[in-house]
């Protein structure tokens, strides 16, 4: 069951303050991914509307890409519903003063499987480092087809596209997996984010941000982050900020 909250514009703006070292635009992309994975179309549409009104928002094509890649983790139906909502939000955000938001209407790439396998394997190795062969073998033992598709289609065709940087995609993946209660995959991608250069502080900021958009967050989310990053230590400033949110 979807558990996304109904968020107001002022609340969204507040939640996007005080999140350094997490980049604000990267946080917006991650929010798009998390809400897509949850599947609550109405609440997702509201947040898409609000994000598009933010003066320092990411490029809409990047926002759409964050939604698109989530089909790998939450399924085609939820991604399609969110993409349709985002397109409508872009239409609503266009006006004579701000200009029209134009989204690409043709596929970015053709069907070059050799290229997809090559760049997918490279990205897979970047994420999982010395564990990459073992993780690949686990997938292929479960299903040789799924193992092959994961590298060629998932990492190669989708996640290696240059619309988003690998580090941005990594944050979006974490945000999408957090509400899905998939501990092994989330734990692996937290480690992958570290391997790509994200600091523990950045990842904890993401962990603190995303649950605020939901009525419920599985306990496995915190378990996964702690398994890789260790127990979280909250500063006095962060504690005060958290209390402001709780009672606002």
C-alpha atoms as a PDB file:
ATOM      1  CA  UNK A   1       0.000   0.000   0.000  1.00  0.00           C
ATOM      2  CA  UNK A   2       1.313   3.483  -0.837  1.00  0.00           C
ATOM      3  CA  UNK A   3       2.270   5.496   2.231  1.00  0.00           C
ATOM      4  CA  UNK A   4       3.303   8.868   0.799  1.00  0.00           C
ATOM      5  CA  UNK A   5       2.133  11.910   2.741  1.00  0.00           C
ATOM      6  CA  UNK A   6       0.231  14.839   1.299  1.00  0.00           C
ATOM      7  CA  UNK A   7       2.911  17.541   1.228  1.00  0.00           C
ATOM      8  CA  UNK A   8       2.351  21.294   0.935  1.00  0.00           C
ATOM      9  CA  UNK A   9       4.624  23.703  -0.947  1.00  0.00           C
ATOM     10  CA  UNK A  10       5.843  25.401   2.247  1.00  0.00           C
ATOM     11  CA  UNK A  11       6.612  22.034   3.832  1.00  0.00           C
ATOM     12  CA  UNK A  12       8.589  20.938   0.789  1.00  0.00           C
ATOM     13  CA  UNK A  13      10.640  24.130   0.801  1.00  0.00           C
ATOM     14  CA  UNK A  14      11.310  23.678   4.525  1.00  0.00           C
ATOM     15  CA  UNK A  15      12.393  20.068   4.089  1.00  0.00           C
ATOM     16  CA  UNK A  16      14.892  21.123   1.425  1.00  0.00           C
ATOM     17  CA  UNK A  17      16.699  23.499   3.793  1.00  0.00           C
ATOM     18  CA  UNK A  18      19.565  22.539   6.077  1.00  0.00           C
ATOM     19  CA  UNK A  19      20.368  19.340   4.190  1.00  0.00           C
ATOM     20  CA  UNK A  20      24.035  20.009   3.341  1.00  0.00           C
ATOM     21  CA  UNK A  21      26.233  18.261   2.343  1.00  0.00           C
ATOM     22  CA  UNK A  22      23.396  16.649   0.356  1.00  0.00           C
ATOM     23  CA  UNK A  23      23.044  18.760  -2.787  1.00  0.00           C
ATOM     24  CA  UNK A  24      19.615  20.385  -3.010  1.00  0.00           C
ATOM     25  CA  UNK A  25      19.038  19.464  -6.652  1.00  0.00           C
ATOM     26  CA  UNK A  26      20.162  15.908  -6.020  1.00  0.00           C
ATOM     27  CA  UNK A  27      17.698  15.781  -3.127  1.00  0.00           C
ATOM     28  CA  UNK A  28      14.881  16.829  -5.469  1.00  0.00           C
ATOM     29  CA  UNK A  29      15.812  14.064  -7.906  1.00  0.00           C
ATOM     30  CA  UNK A  30      15.823  11.537  -5.070  1.00  0.00           C
ATOM     31  CA  UNK A  31      12.384  12.712  -3.936  1.00  0.00           C
ATOM     32  CA  UNK A  32      11.044  12.093  -7.453  1.00  0.00           C
ATOM     33  CA  UNK A  33      12.408   8.550  -7.344  1.00  0.00           C
ATOM     34  CA  UNK A  34      11.074   7.785  -3.865  1.00  0.00           C
ATOM     35  CA  UNK A  35       7.549   8.943  -4.657  1.00  0.00           C
ATOM     36  CA  UNK A  36       7.575   7.024  -7.929  1.00  0.00           C
ATOM     37  CA  UNK A  37       8.518   3.836  -6.088  1.00  0.00           C
ATOM     38  CA  UNK A  38       5.750   4.377  -3.537  1.00  0.00           C
ATOM     39  CA  UNK A  39       3.127   4.665  -6.250  1.00  0.00           C
ATOM     40  CA  UNK A  40       0.710   7.238  -4.791  1.00  0.00           C
ATOM     41  CA  UNK A  41      -0.109   9.106  -8.010  1.00  0.00           C
ATOM     42  CA  UNK A  42      -2.021  12.023  -6.467  1.00  0.00           C
ATOM     43  CA  UNK A  43       0.605  12.865  -3.859  1.00  0.00           C
ATOM     44  CA  UNK A  44       3.410  12.401  -6.381  1.00  0.00           C
ATOM     45  CA  UNK A  45       1.723  14.815  -8.773  1.00  0.00           C
ATOM     46  CA  UNK A  46       1.440  17.472  -6.054  1.00  0.00           C
ATOM     47  CA  UNK A  47       5.134  17.229  -5.252  1.00  0.00           C
ATOM     48  CA  UNK A  48       6.063  17.285  -8.953  1.00  0.00           C
ATOM     49  CA  UNK A  49       4.035  20.496  -9.282  1.00  0.00           C
ATOM     50  CA  UNK A  50       5.824  22.033  -6.310  1.00  0.00           C
ATOM     51  CA  UNK A  51       9.299  20.949  -7.397  1.00  0.00           C
ATOM     52  CA  UNK A  52       8.810  22.482 -10.833  1.00  0.00           C
ATOM     53  CA  UNK A  53       8.005  25.801  -9.148  1.00  0.00           C
ATOM     54  CA  UNK A  54      11.294  25.831  -7.224  1.00  0.00           C
ATOM     55  CA  UNK A  55      13.661  28.422  -8.716  1.00  0.00           C
ATOM     56  CA  UNK A  56      16.727  26.196  -8.378  1.00  0.00           C
ATOM     57  CA  UNK A  57      15.146  22.907  -9.451  1.00  0.00           C
ATOM     58  CA  UNK A  58      17.019  20.403 -11.630  1.00  0.00           C
ATOM     59  CA  UNK A  59      16.455  20.313 -15.366  1.00  0.00           C
ATOM     60  CA  UNK A  60      13.046  18.665 -15.996  1.00  0.00           C
ATOM     61  CA  UNK A  61      14.749  16.066 -18.211  1.00  0.00           C
ATOM     62  CA  UNK A  62      16.847  15.044 -15.218  1.00  0.00           C
ATOM     63  CA  UNK A  63      13.747  14.837 -13.056  1.00  0.00           C
ATOM     64  CA  UNK A  64      12.050  12.665 -15.649  1.00  0.00           C
ATOM     65  CA  UNK A  65      15.138  10.449 -15.807  1.00  0.00           C
ATOM     66  CA  UNK A  66      15.040   9.934 -12.029  1.00  0.00           C
ATOM     67  CA  UNK A  67      11.441   8.782 -12.412  1.00  0.00           C
ATOM     68  CA  UNK A  68      12.209   6.641 -15.469  1.00  0.00           C
ATOM     69  CA  UNK A  69      15.076   4.696 -13.914  1.00  0.00           C
ATOM     70  CA  UNK A  70      12.849   3.744 -10.994  1.00  0.00           C
ATOM     71  CA  UNK A  71      11.068   1.194 -13.197  1.00  0.00           C
ATOM     72  CA  UNK A  72      14.103  -1.022 -12.562  1.00  0.00           C
ATOM     73  CA  UNK A  73      13.352  -1.093  -8.838  1.00  0.00           C
ATOM     74  CA  UNK A  74       9.609  -0.517  -8.410  1.00  0.00           C
ATOM     75  CA  UNK A  75       8.196  -1.816 -11.685  1.00  0.00           C
ATOM     76  CA  UNK A  76       6.950  -0.503 -15.016  1.00  0.00           C
ATOM     77  CA  UNK A  77       3.375   0.378 -13.929  1.00  0.00           C
ATOM     78  CA  UNK A  78       4.417   2.751 -11.146  1.00  0.00           C
ATOM     79  CA  UNK A  79       7.063   4.374 -13.308  1.00  0.00           C
ATOM     80  CA  UNK A  80       4.599   4.837 -16.165  1.00  0.00           C
ATOM     81  CA  UNK A  81       1.983   6.376 -13.870  1.00  0.00           C
ATOM     82  CA  UNK A  82       4.550   8.757 -12.395  1.00  0.00           C
ATOM     83  CA  UNK A  83       5.914   9.696 -15.820  1.00  0.00           C
ATOM     84  CA  UNK A  84       2.405  10.538 -17.016  1.00  0.00           C
ATOM     85  CA  UNK A  85       1.832  12.669 -13.904  1.00  0.00           C
ATOM     86  CA  UNK A  86       5.155  14.428 -14.387  1.00  0.00           C
ATOM     87  CA  UNK A  87       4.327  15.241 -18.004  1.00  0.00           C
ATOM     88  CA  UNK A  88       1.044  16.824 -16.898  1.00  0.00           C
ATOM     89  CA  UNK A  89       2.886  18.749 -14.188  1.00  0.00           C
ATOM     90  CA  UNK A  90       5.282  20.110 -16.811  1.00  0.00           C
ATOM     91  CA  UNK A  91       2.355  21.290 -18.921  1.00  0.00           C
ATOM     92  CA  UNK A  92       0.794  23.002 -15.916  1.00  0.00           C
ATOM     93  CA  UNK A  93       4.091  24.697 -15.016  1.00  0.00           C
ATOM     94  CA  UNK A  94       4.506  26.213 -18.484  1.00  0.00           C
ATOM     95  CA  UNK A  95       3.292  29.785 -18.915  1.00  0.00           C
ATOM     96  CA  UNK A  96       4.120  32.912 -20.968  1.00  0.00           C
ATOM     97  CA  UNK A  97       6.351  34.309 -18.205  1.00  0.00           C
ATOM     98  CA  UNK A  98       8.350  31.257 -17.215  1.00  0.00           C
ATOM     99  CA  UNK A  99       8.331  29.697 -20.674  1.00  0.00           C
ATOM    100  CA  UNK A 100       7.294  26.263 -21.874  1.00  0.00           C
ATOM    101  CA  UNK A 101       8.906  23.166 -20.399  1.00  0.00           C
ATOM    102  CA  UNK A 102       9.831  21.080 -23.404  1.00  0.00           C
ATOM    103  CA  UNK A 103      10.581  17.411 -22.884  1.00  0.00           C
ATOM    104  CA  UNK A 104      12.360  15.210 -25.406  1.00  0.00           C
ATOM    105  CA  UNK A 105       9.857  13.250 -27.532  1.00  0.00           C
ATOM    106  CA  UNK A 106      12.192  10.730 -29.183  1.00  0.00           C
ATOM    107  CA  UNK A 107      14.271   7.921 -27.620  1.00  0.00           C
ATOM    108  CA  UNK A 108      17.711   9.005 -26.451  1.00  0.00           C
ATOM    109  CA  UNK A 109      19.497   5.995 -27.918  1.00  0.00           C
ATOM    110  CA  UNK A 110      19.095   3.130 -30.331  1.00  0.00           C
ATOM    111  CA  UNK A 111      19.475  -0.567 -29.565  1.00  0.00           C
ATOM    112  CA  UNK A 112      23.228  -1.191 -29.269  1.00  0.00           C
ATOM    113  CA  UNK A 113      23.488  -4.228 -27.007  1.00  0.00           C
ATOM    114  CA  UNK A 114      27.274  -4.452 -27.315  1.00  0.00           C
ATOM    115  CA  UNK A 115      27.556  -0.891 -26.013  1.00  0.00           C
ATOM    116  CA  UNK A 116      25.033  -1.557 -23.252  1.00  0.00           C
ATOM    117  CA  UNK A 117      26.933  -4.630 -22.036  1.00  0.00           C
ATOM    118  CA  UNK A 118      30.262  -2.793 -22.094  1.00  0.00           C
ATOM    119  CA  UNK A 119      29.181   0.292 -20.202  1.00  0.00           C
ATOM    120  CA  UNK A 120      26.863  -1.696 -17.945  1.00  0.00           C
ATOM    121  CA  UNK A 121      29.732  -3.916 -16.867  1.00  0.00           C
ATOM    122  CA  UNK A 122      31.895  -0.857 -16.209  1.00  0.00           C
ATOM    123  CA  UNK A 123      29.268   0.822 -14.029  1.00  0.00           C
ATOM    124  CA  UNK A 124      28.512  -2.450 -12.219  1.00  0.00           C
ATOM    125  CA  UNK A 125      32.211  -2.775 -11.352  1.00  0.00           C
ATOM    126  CA  UNK A 126      32.355   0.834 -10.121  1.00  0.00           C
ATOM    127  CA  UNK A 127      29.419   0.279  -7.800  1.00  0.00           C
ATOM    128  CA  UNK A 128      30.326  -3.074  -6.325  1.00  0.00           C
ATOM    129  CA  UNK A 129      34.142  -3.020  -6.593  1.00  0.00           C
ATOM    130  CA  UNK A 130      35.686  -6.336  -5.486  1.00  0.00           C
ATOM    131  CA  UNK A 131      32.233  -7.795  -4.762  1.00  0.00           C
ATOM    132  CA  UNK A 132      31.012  -7.279  -8.341  1.00  0.00           C
ATOM    133  CA  UNK A 133      31.832 -10.820  -9.590  1.00  0.00           C
ATOM    134  CA  UNK A 134      30.135 -12.423  -6.569  1.00  0.00           C
ATOM    135  CA  UNK A 135      27.006 -10.281  -6.871  1.00  0.00           C
ATOM    136  CA  UNK A 136      26.817 -10.955 -10.601  1.00  0.00           C
ATOM    137  CA  UNK A 137      27.123 -14.702  -9.984  1.00  0.00           C
ATOM    138  CA  UNK A 138      24.370 -14.671  -7.354  1.00  0.00           C
ATOM    139  CA  UNK A 139      22.006 -13.072  -9.882  1.00  0.00           C
ATOM    140  CA  UNK A 140      23.002 -15.491 -12.646  1.00  0.00           C
ATOM    141  CA  UNK A 141      22.620 -18.500 -10.338  1.00  0.00           C
ATOM    142  CA  UNK A 142      19.085 -17.377  -9.503  1.00  0.00           C
ATOM    143  CA  UNK A 143      18.296 -16.739 -13.167  1.00  0.00           C
ATOM    144  CA  UNK A 144      20.855 -16.494 -15.980  1.00  0.00           C
ATOM    145  CA  UNK A 145      18.408 -14.322 -17.893  1.00  0.00           C
ATOM    146  CA  UNK A 146      17.894 -11.864 -15.045  1.00  0.00           C
ATOM    147  CA  UNK A 147      21.627 -11.745 -14.363  1.00  0.00           C
ATOM    148  CA  UNK A 148      22.317 -10.859 -17.981  1.00  0.00           C
ATOM    149  CA  UNK A 149      19.504  -8.313 -18.150  1.00  0.00           C
ATOM    150  CA  UNK A 150      20.682  -6.626 -14.950  1.00  0.00           C
ATOM    151  CA  UNK A 151      24.049  -5.739 -16.477  1.00  0.00           C
ATOM    152  CA  UNK A 152      23.016  -5.135 -20.083  1.00  0.00           C
ATOM    153  CA  UNK A 153      19.566  -3.611 -19.673  1.00  0.00           C
ATOM    154  CA  UNK A 154      19.556  -2.226 -16.133  1.00  0.00           C
ATOM    155  CA  UNK A 155      23.060  -0.861 -15.761  1.00  0.00           C
ATOM    156  CA  UNK A 156      23.960  -0.552 -19.437  1.00  0.00           C
ATOM    157  CA  UNK A 157      20.826   0.654 -21.190  1.00  0.00           C
ATOM    158  CA  UNK A 158      19.391   2.716 -18.332  1.00  0.00           C
ATOM    159  CA  UNK A 159      21.740   3.580 -15.474  1.00  0.00           C
ATOM    160  CA  UNK A 160      24.785   4.360 -17.634  1.00  0.00           C
ATOM    161  CA  UNK A 161      22.967   7.003 -19.682  1.00  0.00           C
ATOM    162  CA  UNK A 162      24.639  10.377 -19.328  1.00  0.00           C
ATOM    163  CA  UNK A 163      21.512  12.398 -18.455  1.00  0.00           C
ATOM    164  CA  UNK A 164      22.396  11.869 -14.797  1.00  0.00           C
ATOM    165  CA  UNK A 165      25.789  11.263 -13.227  1.00  0.00           C
ATOM    166  CA  UNK A 166      26.374   7.898 -11.514  1.00  0.00           C
ATOM    167  CA  UNK A 167      26.454   9.573  -8.099  1.00  0.00           C
ATOM    168  CA  UNK A 168      23.075  11.232  -8.745  1.00  0.00           C
ATOM    169  CA  UNK A 169      21.583   7.956  -9.916  1.00  0.00           C
ATOM    170  CA  UNK A 170      22.922   6.238  -6.826  1.00  0.00           C
ATOM    171  CA  UNK A 171      21.038   8.605  -4.519  1.00  0.00           C
ATOM    172  CA  UNK A 172      17.867   8.103  -6.563  1.00  0.00           C
ATOM    173  CA  UNK A 173      18.234   4.336  -6.280  1.00  0.00           C
ATOM    174  CA  UNK A 174      18.573   4.554  -2.501  1.00  0.00           C
ATOM    175  CA  UNK A 175      15.519   6.795  -2.259  1.00  0.00           C
ATOM    176  CA  UNK A 176      13.482   4.399  -4.409  1.00  0.00           C
ATOM    177  CA  UNK A 177      14.502   1.314  -2.428  1.00  0.00           C
ATOM    178  CA  UNK A 178      13.922   2.793   1.036  1.00  0.00           C
ATOM    179  CA  UNK A 179      10.091   2.478   1.029  1.00  0.00           C
ATOM    180  CA  UNK A 180      10.162  -0.956  -0.644  1.00  0.00           C
ATOM    181  CA  UNK A 181      11.504  -3.017   2.297  1.00  0.00           C
ATOM    182  CA  UNK A 182      14.226  -4.780   0.289  1.00  0.00           C
ATOM    183  CA  UNK A 183      17.103  -4.981   2.763  1.00  0.00           C
ATOM    184  CA  UNK A 184      19.695  -6.918   0.688  1.00  0.00           C
ATOM    185  CA  UNK A 185      19.363  -4.634  -2.323  1.00  0.00           C
ATOM    186  CA  UNK A 186      19.285  -1.433  -0.276  1.00  0.00           C
ATOM    187  CA  UNK A 187      22.339  -2.478   1.711  1.00  0.00           C
ATOM    188  CA  UNK A 188      24.207  -3.245  -1.518  1.00  0.00           C
ATOM    189  CA  UNK A 189      23.347   0.129  -2.998  1.00  0.00           C
ATOM    190  CA  UNK A 190      24.338   2.014   0.162  1.00  0.00           C
ATOM    191  CA  UNK A 191      27.754   0.385  -0.216  1.00  0.00           C
ATOM    192  CA  UNK A 192      27.665   1.253  -3.913  1.00  0.00           C
ATOM    193  CA  UNK A 193      27.034   4.898  -3.064  1.00  0.00           C
ATOM    194  CA  UNK A 194      30.071   4.859  -0.773  1.00  0.00           C
ATOM    195  CA  UNK A 195      32.136   3.262  -3.545  1.00  0.00           C
ATOM    196  CA  UNK A 196      31.113   6.117  -5.850  1.00  0.00           C
ATOM    197  CA  UNK A 197      32.437   8.670  -3.372  1.00  0.00           C
ATOM    198  CA  UNK A 198      29.432   9.727  -1.295  1.00  0.00           C
ATOM    199  CA  UNK A 199      30.274  10.590   2.294  1.00  0.00           C
ATOM    200  CA  UNK A 200      28.478   8.976   5.205  1.00  0.00           C
ATOM    201  CA  UNK A 201      27.176  12.414   6.187  1.00  0.00           C
ATOM    202  CA  UNK A 202      25.596  12.913   2.760  1.00  0.00           C
ATOM    203  CA  UNK A 203      23.942   9.509   2.855  1.00  0.00           C
ATOM    204  CA  UNK A 204      22.580  10.040   6.356  1.00  0.00           C
ATOM    205  CA  UNK A 205      21.093  13.356   5.221  1.00  0.00           C
ATOM    206  CA  UNK A 206      19.317  11.472   2.443  1.00  0.00           C
ATOM    207  CA  UNK A 207      18.102   8.917   4.973  1.00  0.00           C
ATOM    208  CA  UNK A 208      16.743  11.690   7.207  1.00  0.00           C
ATOM    209  CA  UNK A 209      15.012  13.475   4.321  1.00  0.00           C
ATOM    210  CA  UNK A 210      13.153  10.738   2.448  1.00  0.00           C
ATOM    211  CA  UNK A 211      11.072   9.280   5.339  1.00  0.00           C
ATOM    212  CA  UNK A 212       9.568  12.728   5.945  1.00  0.00           C
ATOM    213  CA  UNK A 213       7.544  12.236   2.757  1.00  0.00           C
ATOM    214  CA  UNK A 214       5.938   9.044   4.084  1.00  0.00           C
ATOM    215  CA  UNK A 215       3.604   7.974   6.875  1.00  0.00           C
ATOM    216  CA  UNK A 216       5.612   4.797   7.304  1.00  0.00           C
ATOM    217  CA  UNK A 217       9.157   3.743   6.450  1.00  0.00           C
ATOM    218  CA  UNK A 218      10.249   0.094   6.788  1.00  0.00           C
ATOM    219  CA  UNK A 219      12.769  -0.600   9.560  1.00  0.00           C
ATOM    220  CA  UNK A 220      14.970  -2.264   6.956  1.00  0.00           C
ATOM    221  CA  UNK A 221      15.889   1.179   5.628  1.00  0.00           C
ATOM    222  CA  UNK A 222      17.718   2.162   8.805  1.00  0.00           C
ATOM    223  CA  UNK A 223      19.152  -1.342   9.146  1.00  0.00           C
ATOM    224  CA  UNK A 224      20.701  -1.112   5.682  1.00  0.00           C
ATOM    225  CA  UNK A 225      22.252   2.301   6.273  1.00  0.00           C
ATOM    226  CA  UNK A 226      23.636   1.305   9.671  1.00  0.00           C
ATOM    227  CA  UNK A 227      25.048  -1.951   8.328  1.00  0.00           C
ATOM    228  CA  UNK A 228      27.260  -0.007   5.924  1.00  0.00           C
ATOM    229  CA  UNK A 229      27.761   3.355   7.624  1.00  0.00           C
ATOM    230  CA  UNK A 230      27.649   2.415  11.307  1.00  0.00           C
ATOM    231  CA  UNK A 231      25.334   3.852  13.948  1.00  0.00           C
ATOM    232  CA  UNK A 232      24.177   7.388  13.258  1.00  0.00           C
ATOM    233  CA  UNK A 233      25.324  10.178  15.554  1.00  0.00           C
ATOM    234  CA  UNK A 234      23.017  13.199  15.455  1.00  0.00           C
ATOM    235  CA  UNK A 235      24.403  16.653  16.215  1.00  0.00           C
ATOM    236  CA  UNK A 236      22.655  19.187  18.454  1.00  0.00           C
ATOM    237  CA  UNK A 237      21.864  21.331  15.400  1.00  0.00           C
ATOM    238  CA  UNK A 238      20.346  18.390  13.535  1.00  0.00           C
ATOM    239  CA  UNK A 239      18.314  17.441  16.615  1.00  0.00           C
ATOM    240  CA  UNK A 240      16.906  20.973  16.870  1.00  0.00           C
ATOM    241  CA  UNK A 241      16.046  20.941  13.154  1.00  0.00           C
ATOM    242  CA  UNK A 242      14.285  17.594  13.551  1.00  0.00           C
ATOM    243  CA  UNK A 243      12.174  18.891  16.414  1.00  0.00           C
ATOM    244  CA  UNK A 244      11.103  21.913  14.353  1.00  0.00           C
ATOM    245  CA  UNK A 245       9.864  19.557  11.655  1.00  0.00           C
ATOM    246  CA  UNK A 246       8.059  17.257  14.094  1.00  0.00           C
ATOM    247  CA  UNK A 247       6.085  20.087  15.657  1.00  0.00           C
ATOM    248  CA  UNK A 248       5.577  22.321  12.601  1.00  0.00           C
END
